[in-house]
C-alpha atoms as a PDB file:
ATOM      1  CA  UNK A   1       0.970 -17.948   6.507  1.00  0.00           C
ATOM      2  CA  UNK A   2       1.745 -17.970   2.784  1.00  0.00           C
ATOM      3  CA  UNK A   3      -0.445 -20.057   0.488  1.00  0.00           C
ATOM      4  CA  UNK A   4       0.861 -23.113  -1.390  1.00  0.00           C
ATOM      5  CA  UNK A   5       2.503 -22.029  -4.608  1.00  0.00           C
ATOM      6  CA  UNK A   6      -0.106 -23.505  -6.979  1.00  0.00           C
ATOM      7  CA  UNK A   7      -3.100 -21.943  -5.250  1.00  0.00           C
ATOM      8  CA  UNK A   8      -1.296 -18.655  -4.686  1.00  0.00           C
ATOM      9  CA  UNK A   9      -0.365 -18.501  -8.374  1.00  0.00           C
ATOM     10  CA  UNK A  10      -3.987 -18.999  -9.369  1.00  0.00           C
ATOM     11  CA  UNK A  11      -5.228 -16.354  -6.941  1.00  0.00           C
ATOM     12  CA  UNK A  12      -2.551 -13.956  -8.164  1.00  0.00           C
ATOM     13  CA  UNK A  13      -3.770 -14.601 -11.714  1.00  0.00           C
ATOM     14  CA  UNK A  14      -7.347 -13.823 -10.769  1.00  0.00           C
ATOM     15  CA  UNK A  15      -6.260 -10.709  -8.870  1.00  0.00           C
ATOM     16  CA  UNK A  16      -4.408  -9.436 -11.942  1.00  0.00           C
ATOM     17  CA  UNK A  17      -7.406 -10.270 -14.132  1.00  0.00           C
ATOM     18  CA  UNK A  18      -9.838  -8.343 -11.929  1.00  0.00           C
ATOM     19  CA  UNK A  19      -7.430  -5.420 -11.735  1.00  0.00           C
ATOM     20  CA  UNK A  20      -7.170  -5.309 -15.527  1.00  0.00           C
ATOM     21  CA  UNK A  21     -10.964  -5.369 -15.874  1.00  0.00           C
ATOM     22  CA  UNK A  22     -11.289  -2.574 -13.327  1.00  0.00           C
ATOM     23  CA  UNK A  23      -8.769  -0.549 -15.332  1.00  0.00           C
ATOM     24  CA  UNK A  24     -10.766  -0.972 -18.531  1.00  0.00           C
ATOM     25  CA  UNK A  25      -9.205  -3.986 -20.262  1.00  0.00           C
ATOM     26  CA  UNK A  26     -11.558  -6.195 -22.286  1.00  0.00           C
ATOM     27  CA  UNK A  27     -10.644  -9.735 -21.236  1.00  0.00           C
ATOM     28  CA  UNK A  28     -12.323 -13.109 -21.134  1.00  0.00           C
ATOM     29  CA  UNK A  29     -12.673 -15.183 -17.978  1.00  0.00           C
ATOM     30  CA  UNK A  30      -9.546 -17.089 -16.833  1.00  0.00           C
ATOM     31  CA  UNK A  31     -11.344 -20.426 -16.544  1.00  0.00           C
ATOM     32  CA  UNK A  32      -8.609 -23.078 -16.275  1.00  0.00           C
ATOM     33  CA  UNK A  33      -6.096 -22.734 -13.425  1.00  0.00           C
ATOM     34  CA  UNK A  34      -8.163 -20.280 -11.398  1.00  0.00           C
ATOM     35  CA  UNK A  35     -11.283 -22.450 -11.391  1.00  0.00           C
ATOM     36  CA  UNK A  36      -9.226 -25.530 -10.527  1.00  0.00           C
ATOM     37  CA  UNK A  37      -7.561 -23.699  -7.651  1.00  0.00           C
ATOM     38  CA  UNK A  38     -10.934 -22.529  -6.390  1.00  0.00           C
ATOM     39  CA  UNK A  39     -12.212 -26.089  -6.285  1.00  0.00           C
ATOM     40  CA  UNK A  40      -9.113 -27.347  -4.479  1.00  0.00           C
ATOM     41  CA  UNK A  41      -8.279 -24.399  -2.256  1.00  0.00           C
ATOM     42  CA  UNK A  42     -11.352 -23.354  -0.324  1.00  0.00           C
ATOM     43  CA  UNK A  43     -13.458 -21.706  -2.982  1.00  0.00           C
ATOM     44  CA  UNK A  44     -12.257 -18.090  -2.909  1.00  0.00           C
ATOM     45  CA  UNK A  45     -11.520 -18.131  -6.634  1.00  0.00           C
ATOM     46  CA  UNK A  46     -14.866 -19.767  -7.425  1.00  0.00           C
ATOM     47  CA  UNK A  47     -16.671 -17.213  -5.275  1.00  0.00           C
ATOM     48  CA  UNK A  48     -14.979 -14.349  -7.118  1.00  0.00           C
ATOM     49  CA  UNK A  49     -15.608 -15.881 -10.544  1.00  0.00           C
ATOM     50  CA  UNK A  50     -19.262 -16.401  -9.692  1.00  0.00           C
ATOM     51  CA  UNK A  51     -19.590 -12.781  -8.557  1.00  0.00           C
ATOM     52  CA  UNK A  52     -17.784 -11.596 -11.678  1.00  0.00           C
ATOM     53  CA  UNK A  53     -20.076 -13.590 -13.934  1.00  0.00           C
ATOM     54  CA  UNK A  54     -23.117 -11.879 -12.414  1.00  0.00           C
ATOM     55  CA  UNK A  55     -21.931  -8.336 -13.197  1.00  0.00           C
ATOM     56  CA  UNK A  56     -23.432  -6.921 -16.429  1.00  0.00           C
ATOM     57  CA  UNK A  57     -20.723  -5.938 -18.904  1.00  0.00           C
ATOM     58  CA  UNK A  58     -22.579  -2.815 -20.000  1.00  0.00           C
ATOM     59  CA  UNK A  59     -22.372   0.060 -19.435  1.00  0.00           C
ATOM     60  CA  UNK A  60     -18.599  -0.232 -19.276  1.00  0.00           C
ATOM     61  CA  UNK A  61     -18.039   2.409 -16.604  1.00  0.00           C
ATOM     62  CA  UNK A  62     -20.554   0.758 -14.280  1.00  0.00           C
ATOM     63  CA  UNK A  63     -18.961  -2.632 -14.974  1.00  0.00           C
ATOM     64  CA  UNK A  64     -15.494  -1.310 -14.086  1.00  0.00           C
ATOM     65  CA  UNK A  65     -16.830   0.269 -10.894  1.00  0.00           C
ATOM     66  CA  UNK A  66     -18.479  -2.948  -9.723  1.00  0.00           C
ATOM     67  CA  UNK A  67     -15.419  -5.012 -10.608  1.00  0.00           C
ATOM     68  CA  UNK A  68     -13.379  -2.586  -8.511  1.00  0.00           C
ATOM     69  CA  UNK A  69     -15.640  -3.307  -5.559  1.00  0.00           C
ATOM     70  CA  UNK A  70     -15.311  -7.044  -6.165  1.00  0.00           C
ATOM     71  CA  UNK A  71     -11.529  -6.699  -6.296  1.00  0.00           C
ATOM     72  CA  UNK A  72     -11.488  -4.997  -2.889  1.00  0.00           C
ATOM     73  CA  UNK A  73     -13.667  -7.775  -1.430  1.00  0.00           C
ATOM     74  CA  UNK A  74     -11.513 -10.472  -3.027  1.00  0.00           C
ATOM     75  CA  UNK A  75      -8.283  -8.988  -1.727  1.00  0.00           C
ATOM     76  CA  UNK A  76      -9.725  -8.498   1.756  1.00  0.00           C
ATOM     77  CA  UNK A  77     -10.780 -12.145   1.911  1.00  0.00           C
ATOM     78  CA  UNK A  78      -7.338 -13.399   0.902  1.00  0.00           C
ATOM     79  CA  UNK A  79      -5.720 -12.492   4.218  1.00  0.00           C
ATOM     80  CA  UNK A  80      -6.166 -10.237   7.278  1.00  0.00           C
ATOM     81  CA  UNK A  81      -3.179  -8.112   6.244  1.00  0.00           C
ATOM     82  CA  UNK A  82      -4.865  -7.197   2.973  1.00  0.00           C
ATOM     83  CA  UNK A  83      -8.085  -6.367   4.786  1.00  0.00           C
ATOM     84  CA  UNK A  84      -6.291  -4.080   7.254  1.00  0.00           C
ATOM     85  CA  UNK A  85      -4.399  -2.288   4.474  1.00  0.00           C
ATOM     86  CA  UNK A  86      -7.572  -1.666   2.492  1.00  0.00           C
ATOM     87  CA  UNK A  87      -9.574  -0.468   5.500  1.00  0.00           C
ATOM     88  CA  UNK A  88      -6.848   1.865   6.671  1.00  0.00           C
ATOM     89  CA  UNK A  89      -5.218   3.262   3.556  1.00  0.00           C
ATOM     90  CA  UNK A  90      -7.217   2.566   0.402  1.00  0.00           C
ATOM     91  CA  UNK A  91      -9.160   5.849   0.429  1.00  0.00           C
ATOM     92  CA  UNK A  92      -6.425   8.471   1.056  1.00  0.00           C
ATOM     93  CA  UNK A  93      -3.635   9.155  -1.433  1.00  0.00           C
ATOM     94  CA  UNK A  94      -1.090   6.600  -0.255  1.00  0.00           C
ATOM     95  CA  UNK A  95       1.499   4.112  -1.431  1.00  0.00           C
ATOM     96  CA  UNK A  96       1.797   0.743   0.315  1.00  0.00           C
ATOM     97  CA  UNK A  97       4.230  -1.890  -0.903  1.00  0.00           C
ATOM     98  CA  UNK A  98       6.540  -4.583   0.408  1.00  0.00           C
ATOM     99  CA  UNK A  99       9.608  -5.999  -1.273  1.00  0.00           C
ATOM    100  CA  UNK A 100      12.224  -8.634  -0.526  1.00  0.00           C
ATOM    101  CA  UNK A 101      15.248  -7.895   1.640  1.00  0.00           C
ATOM    102  CA  UNK A 102      18.240  -8.824  -0.506  1.00  0.00           C
ATOM    103  CA  UNK A 103      20.983  -6.504   0.737  1.00  0.00           C
ATOM    104  CA  UNK A 104      22.784  -5.920   3.994  1.00  0.00           C
ATOM    105  CA  UNK A 105      22.169  -2.231   3.356  1.00  0.00           C
ATOM    106  CA  UNK A 106      18.373  -2.212   3.294  1.00  0.00           C
ATOM    107  CA  UNK A 107      18.296   1.179   1.552  1.00  0.00           C
ATOM    108  CA  UNK A 108      18.876  -0.633  -1.743  1.00  0.00           C
ATOM    109  CA  UNK A 109      15.803  -2.778  -1.129  1.00  0.00           C
ATOM    110  CA  UNK A 110      13.683   0.253  -0.218  1.00  0.00           C
ATOM    111  CA  UNK A 111      14.938   2.011  -3.336  1.00  0.00           C
ATOM    112  CA  UNK A 112      13.743  -0.953  -5.418  1.00  0.00           C
ATOM    113  CA  UNK A 113      10.278  -0.790  -3.830  1.00  0.00           C
ATOM    114  CA  UNK A 114      10.000   2.948  -4.490  1.00  0.00           C
ATOM    115  CA  UNK A 115      10.841   2.278  -8.134  1.00  0.00           C
ATOM    116  CA  UNK A 116       8.297  -0.596  -8.321  1.00  0.00           C
ATOM    117  CA  UNK A 117      10.977  -2.977  -9.566  1.00  0.00           C
ATOM    118  CA  UNK A 118      10.224  -5.852  -7.161  1.00  0.00           C
ATOM    119  CA  UNK A 119       7.009  -7.745  -6.337  1.00  0.00           C
ATOM    120  CA  UNK A 120       5.541  -8.449  -2.927  1.00  0.00           C
ATOM    121  CA  UNK A 121       7.234 -11.661  -1.723  1.00  0.00           C
ATOM    122  CA  UNK A 122       3.909 -13.043  -0.467  1.00  0.00           C
ATOM    123  CA  UNK A 123       1.688 -11.748  -3.243  1.00  0.00           C
ATOM    124  CA  UNK A 124      -0.260  -9.557  -0.826  1.00  0.00           C
ATOM    125  CA  UNK A 125      -1.990  -6.317  -1.719  1.00  0.00           C
ATOM    126  CA  UNK A 126      -0.109  -3.267  -2.962  1.00  0.00           C
ATOM    127  CA  UNK A 127      -1.792   0.143  -2.886  1.00  0.00           C
ATOM    128  CA  UNK A 128      -0.486   2.318  -5.687  1.00  0.00           C
ATOM    129  CA  UNK A 129      -2.807   4.811  -7.351  1.00  0.00           C
ATOM    130  CA  UNK A 130      -0.057   5.872  -9.745  1.00  0.00           C
ATOM    131  CA  UNK A 131       0.839   2.402 -11.002  1.00  0.00           C
ATOM    132  CA  UNK A 132      -0.686   3.103 -14.423  1.00  0.00           C
ATOM    133  CA  UNK A 133      -0.327   6.898 -14.361  1.00  0.00           C
ATOM    134  CA  UNK A 134       1.079   8.094 -17.689  1.00  0.00           C
ATOM    135  CA  UNK A 135       3.210  10.698 -15.898  1.00  0.00           C
ATOM    136  CA  UNK A 136       5.566   7.831 -15.109  1.00  0.00           C
ATOM    137  CA  UNK A 137       6.862   8.184 -18.661  1.00  0.00           C
ATOM    138  CA  UNK A 138       8.311  11.486 -17.424  1.00  0.00           C
ATOM    139  CA  UNK A 139       9.085  10.529 -13.813  1.00  0.00           C
ATOM    140  CA  UNK A 140       9.354   6.715 -13.632  1.00  0.00           C
ATOM    141  CA  UNK A 141       9.109   6.526  -9.826  1.00  0.00           C
ATOM    142  CA  UNK A 142       6.242   9.060  -9.643  1.00  0.00           C
ATOM    143  CA  UNK A 143       5.183  10.428  -7.226  1.00  0.00           C
ATOM    144  CA  UNK A 144       8.590   9.701  -5.752  1.00  0.00           C
ATOM    145  CA  UNK A 145      11.906  11.210  -6.684  1.00  0.00           C
ATOM    146  CA  UNK A 146      13.959   9.389  -4.069  1.00  0.00           C
ATOM    147  CA  UNK A 147      17.648   9.937  -3.467  1.00  0.00           C
ATOM    148  CA  UNK A 148      20.037   7.254  -4.628  1.00  0.00           C
ATOM    149  CA  UNK A 149      20.283   4.313  -2.260  1.00  0.00           C
ATOM    150  CA  UNK A 150      23.572   5.395  -0.595  1.00  0.00           C
ATOM    151  CA  UNK A 151      21.971   8.733   0.380  1.00  0.00           C
ATOM    152  CA  UNK A 152      18.515   7.433   1.263  1.00  0.00           C
ATOM    153  CA  UNK A 153      19.100   6.652   4.941  1.00  0.00           C
ATOM    154  CA  UNK A 154      20.442  10.171   5.464  1.00  0.00           C
ATOM    155  CA  UNK A 155      16.906  11.540   5.030  1.00  0.00           C
ATOM    156  CA  UNK A 156      15.378   9.164   7.573  1.00  0.00           C
ATOM    157  CA  UNK A 157      15.136   8.910  11.356  1.00  0.00           C
ATOM    158  CA  UNK A 158      14.566   5.813  13.511  1.00  0.00           C
ATOM    159  CA  UNK A 159      11.226   5.312  15.239  1.00  0.00           C
ATOM    160  CA  UNK A 160      10.166   3.180  18.159  1.00  0.00           C
ATOM    161  CA  UNK A 161       7.497   0.622  17.349  1.00  0.00           C
ATOM    162  CA  UNK A 162       4.537   2.431  18.937  1.00  0.00           C
ATOM    163  CA  UNK A 163       5.547   5.652  17.217  1.00  0.00           C
ATOM    164  CA  UNK A 164       5.640   3.713  13.946  1.00  0.00           C
ATOM    165  CA  UNK A 165       2.122   2.429  14.645  1.00  0.00           C
ATOM    166  CA  UNK A 166       0.959   6.004  15.236  1.00  0.00           C
ATOM    167  CA  UNK A 167       2.666   7.292  12.086  1.00  0.00           C
ATOM    168  CA  UNK A 168       0.957   4.616  10.036  1.00  0.00           C
ATOM    169  CA  UNK A 169      -2.410   5.263  11.667  1.00  0.00           C
ATOM    170  CA  UNK A 170      -2.450   8.973  10.808  1.00  0.00           C
ATOM    171  CA  UNK A 171      -1.923   8.127   7.144  1.00  0.00           C
ATOM    172  CA  UNK A 172      -5.648   7.366   7.247  1.00  0.00           C
ATOM    173  CA  UNK A 173      -6.149  11.139   7.488  1.00  0.00           C
ATOM    174  CA  UNK A 174      -6.254  13.677   4.667  1.00  0.00           C
ATOM    175  CA  UNK A 175      -3.613  16.386   4.485  1.00  0.00           C
ATOM    176  CA  UNK A 176      -6.105  19.117   3.649  1.00  0.00           C
ATOM    177  CA  UNK A 177      -9.284  19.776   5.644  1.00  0.00           C
ATOM    178  CA  UNK A 178      -9.408  16.459   7.504  1.00  0.00           C
ATOM    179  CA  UNK A 179     -12.868  16.375   9.139  1.00  0.00           C
ATOM    180  CA  UNK A 180     -12.051  13.598  11.616  1.00  0.00           C
ATOM    181  CA  UNK A 181      -8.447  13.266  12.815  1.00  0.00           C
ATOM    182  CA  UNK A 182      -7.675   9.822  14.179  1.00  0.00           C
ATOM    183  CA  UNK A 183      -7.272  11.188  17.710  1.00  0.00           C
ATOM    184  CA  UNK A 184     -10.958  12.189  17.743  1.00  0.00           C
ATOM    185  CA  UNK A 185     -12.468   9.227  15.899  1.00  0.00           C
ATOM    186  CA  UNK A 186     -14.775   6.836  17.744  1.00  0.00           C
ATOM    187  CA  UNK A 187     -12.973   3.965  15.979  1.00  0.00           C
ATOM    188  CA  UNK A 188      -9.524   5.211  17.021  1.00  0.00           C
ATOM    189  CA  UNK A 189      -8.651   1.870  18.628  1.00  0.00           C
ATOM    190  CA  UNK A 190      -9.682  -0.017  15.486  1.00  0.00           C
ATOM    191  CA  UNK A 191      -7.525   2.271  13.336  1.00  0.00           C
ATOM    192  CA  UNK A 192      -4.531   1.629  15.587  1.00  0.00           C
ATOM    193  CA  UNK A 193      -5.277  -2.107  15.541  1.00  0.00           C
ATOM    194  CA  UNK A 194      -5.140  -2.117  11.735  1.00  0.00           C
ATOM    195  CA  UNK A 195      -1.818  -0.276  11.852  1.00  0.00           C
ATOM    196  CA  UNK A 196      -0.463  -2.884  14.274  1.00  0.00           C
ATOM    197  CA  UNK A 197      -1.674  -5.674  11.989  1.00  0.00           C
ATOM    198  CA  UNK A 198       0.218  -4.155   9.072  1.00  0.00           C
ATOM    199  CA  UNK A 199       3.453  -3.762  11.019  1.00  0.00           C
ATOM    200  CA  UNK A 200       3.037  -7.180  12.621  1.00  0.00           C
ATOM    201  CA  UNK A 201       3.876  -8.699   9.252  1.00  0.00           C
ATOM    202  CA  UNK A 202       7.514  -7.695   9.714  1.00  0.00           C
ATOM    203  CA  UNK A 203       7.957  -9.429  13.047  1.00  0.00           C
ATOM    204  CA  UNK A 204       9.068  -8.349  16.527  1.00  0.00           C
ATOM    205  CA  UNK A 205      12.625  -7.654  15.389  1.00  0.00           C
ATOM    206  CA  UNK A 206      11.689  -5.131  12.708  1.00  0.00           C
ATOM    207  CA  UNK A 207      13.188  -1.646  12.758  1.00  0.00           C
ATOM    208  CA  UNK A 208      11.307   1.453  11.657  1.00  0.00           C
ATOM    209  CA  UNK A 209      12.330   4.652   9.932  1.00  0.00           C
ATOM    210  CA  UNK A 210      10.519   7.821   8.907  1.00  0.00           C
ATOM    211  CA  UNK A 211      11.225  10.980   6.965  1.00  0.00           C
ATOM    212  CA  UNK A 212       9.299  13.056   9.547  1.00  0.00           C
ATOM    213  CA  UNK A 213      11.657  15.595  11.076  1.00  0.00           C
ATOM    214  CA  UNK A 214       9.918  15.373  14.472  1.00  0.00           C
ATOM    215  CA  UNK A 215      11.568  11.971  14.899  1.00  0.00           C
ATOM    216  CA  UNK A 216      15.025  13.544  14.736  1.00  0.00           C
ATOM    217  CA  UNK A 217      14.693  14.587  18.373  1.00  0.00           C
ATOM    218  CA  UNK A 218      11.990  12.152  19.497  1.00  0.00           C
ATOM    219  CA  UNK A 219      11.895   8.557  18.200  1.00  0.00           C
ATOM    220  CA  UNK A 220       8.748   8.056  20.297  1.00  0.00           C
ATOM    221  CA  UNK A 221       6.890  10.997  18.726  1.00  0.00           C
ATOM    222  CA  UNK A 222       3.097  10.732  19.099  1.00  0.00           C
ATOM    223  CA  UNK A 223       1.850  11.221  15.545  1.00  0.00           C
ATOM    224  CA  UNK A 224      -1.752  10.575  16.569  1.00  0.00           C
ATOM    225  CA  UNK A 225      -1.678  13.501  18.985  1.00  0.00           C
ATOM    226  CA  UNK A 226      -0.118  15.855  16.438  1.00  0.00           C
ATOM    227  CA  UNK A 227      -2.072  14.606  13.412  1.00  0.00           C
ATOM    228  CA  UNK A 228      -1.049  14.356   9.791  1.00  0.00           C
ATOM    229  CA  UNK A 229      -1.597  17.981   8.838  1.00  0.00           C
ATOM    230  CA  UNK A 230       1.403  20.095   9.635  1.00  0.00           C
ATOM    231  CA  UNK A 231       3.831  17.171   9.689  1.00  0.00           C
ATOM    232  CA  UNK A 232       7.225  18.310   8.454  1.00  0.00           C
ATOM    233  CA  UNK A 233       9.453  15.914   6.585  1.00  0.00           C
ATOM    234  CA  UNK A 234      12.400  15.438   4.284  1.00  0.00           C
ATOM    235  CA  UNK A 235      10.575  15.209   0.984  1.00  0.00           C
ATOM    236  CA  UNK A 236      10.897  12.129  -1.184  1.00  0.00           C
ATOM    237  CA  UNK A 237       8.555  13.524  -3.840  1.00  0.00           C
ATOM    238  CA  UNK A 238       9.131  14.840  -7.314  1.00  0.00           C
ATOM    239  CA  UNK A 239       8.967  18.592  -7.769  1.00  0.00           C
ATOM    240  CA  UNK A 240       7.602  18.159 -11.295  1.00  0.00           C
ATOM    241  CA  UNK A 241       4.190  19.751 -11.879  1.00  0.00           C
ATOM    242  CA  UNK A 242       2.385  17.142 -13.966  1.00  0.00           C
ATOM    243  CA  UNK A 243      -1.249  16.785 -15.049  1.00  0.00           C
ATOM    244  CA  UNK A 244      -2.192  19.758 -12.905  1.00  0.00           C
ATOM    245  CA  UNK A 245      -1.021  18.084  -9.684  1.00  0.00           C
ATOM    246  CA  UNK A 246       1.402  19.720  -7.280  1.00  0.00           C
ATOM    247  CA  UNK A 247       2.816  17.368  -4.645  1.00  0.00           C
ATOM    248  CA  UNK A 248       3.444  19.431  -1.540  1.00  0.00           C
ATOM    249  CA  UNK A 249       3.572  17.198   1.560  1.00  0.00           C
ATOM    250  CA  UNK A 250       4.452  13.651   2.485  1.00  0.00           C
ATOM    251  CA  UNK A 251       4.947  11.302   5.397  1.00  0.00           C
ATOM    252  CA  UNK A 252       6.778   8.029   4.977  1.00  0.00           C
ATOM    253  CA  UNK A 253       7.317   4.977   7.147  1.00  0.00           C
ATOM    254  CA  UNK A 254       9.732   2.166   6.357  1.00  0.00           C
ATOM    255  CA  UNK A 255       9.759  -1.214   8.098  1.00  0.00           C
ATOM    256  CA  UNK A 256      12.965  -3.234   7.853  1.00  0.00           C
ATOM    257  CA  UNK A 257      12.959  -6.942   8.670  1.00  0.00           C
ATOM    258  CA  UNK A 258      15.395  -9.749   7.920  1.00  0.00           C
ATOM    259  CA  UNK A 259      13.461 -10.942   4.872  1.00  0.00           C
ATOM    260  CA  UNK A 260      11.322  -7.989   3.773  1.00  0.00           C
ATOM    261  CA  UNK A 261      11.106  -4.211   3.662  1.00  0.00           C
ATOM    262  CA  UNK A 262       7.773  -2.431   3.888  1.00  0.00           C
ATOM    263  CA  UNK A 263       7.136   1.053   2.519  1.00  0.00           C
ATOM    264  CA  UNK A 264       4.129   3.130   3.583  1.00  0.00           C
ATOM    265  CA  UNK A 265       3.695   6.674   2.292  1.00  0.00           C
ATOM    266  CA  UNK A 266       1.063   9.400   2.475  1.00  0.00           C
ATOM    267  CA  UNK A 267       0.920  12.278  -0.016  1.00  0.00           C
ATOM    268  CA  UNK A 268      -0.534  15.748   0.134  1.00  0.00           C
ATOM    269  CA  UNK A 269      -1.386  17.170  -3.283  1.00  0.00           C
ATOM    270  CA  UNK A 270      -3.174  20.205  -4.634  1.00  0.00           C
END
């Protein structure tokens, strides 16, 4: 359930503040609206502000690292969806974002998410390691170079729900030298449960699409059994070689609901 607007606004403000501190900005504490919201809305903001106030500001790199840990805790406590996203996909090289559904042709809404031009309608977590990457001056949608919206659906295949869950679950793996594929992990069921939590956001009527070519002949493809490594797909990535990074593999999953579109992507780079 979404938070009331006033409390959500304050928590969004604190989230942005912590993110800026983690990224190296030198900012003061946002005392006013955030502290008021914490007092009136269950104390999450006050808890985070108290934790923040206890972190030594020097040395700066240690401060940024500890603020990053606080930010993860803060986001996880905001809602179960955030917690599942962070557990499942925060460590690998992934992109996780949701945007509003504004068009009959949902490809236009997905295109907007890939270009980071729309916010999450609920203010929930977005995982995007390249958000502040300076290579975006060269390739604005980096690491994506998606086709124009009218051509986007032509690179995708429909998936059944359980296949979508499996595709999302294997994004917890690494493309290169994965030591513990999901199919062999002792917490396999927990990984799949987190994937179901993420897709549950979009409701029972959601439809799912992937760029994995295996889905062309099998919309029920078992991605957990096959694993992430070796997955073949229609690439949505830029071919530009920037900052010594070559993007070579990807797996994408798109969830389409009446009011939202979710985009989940895993990248292999070398």
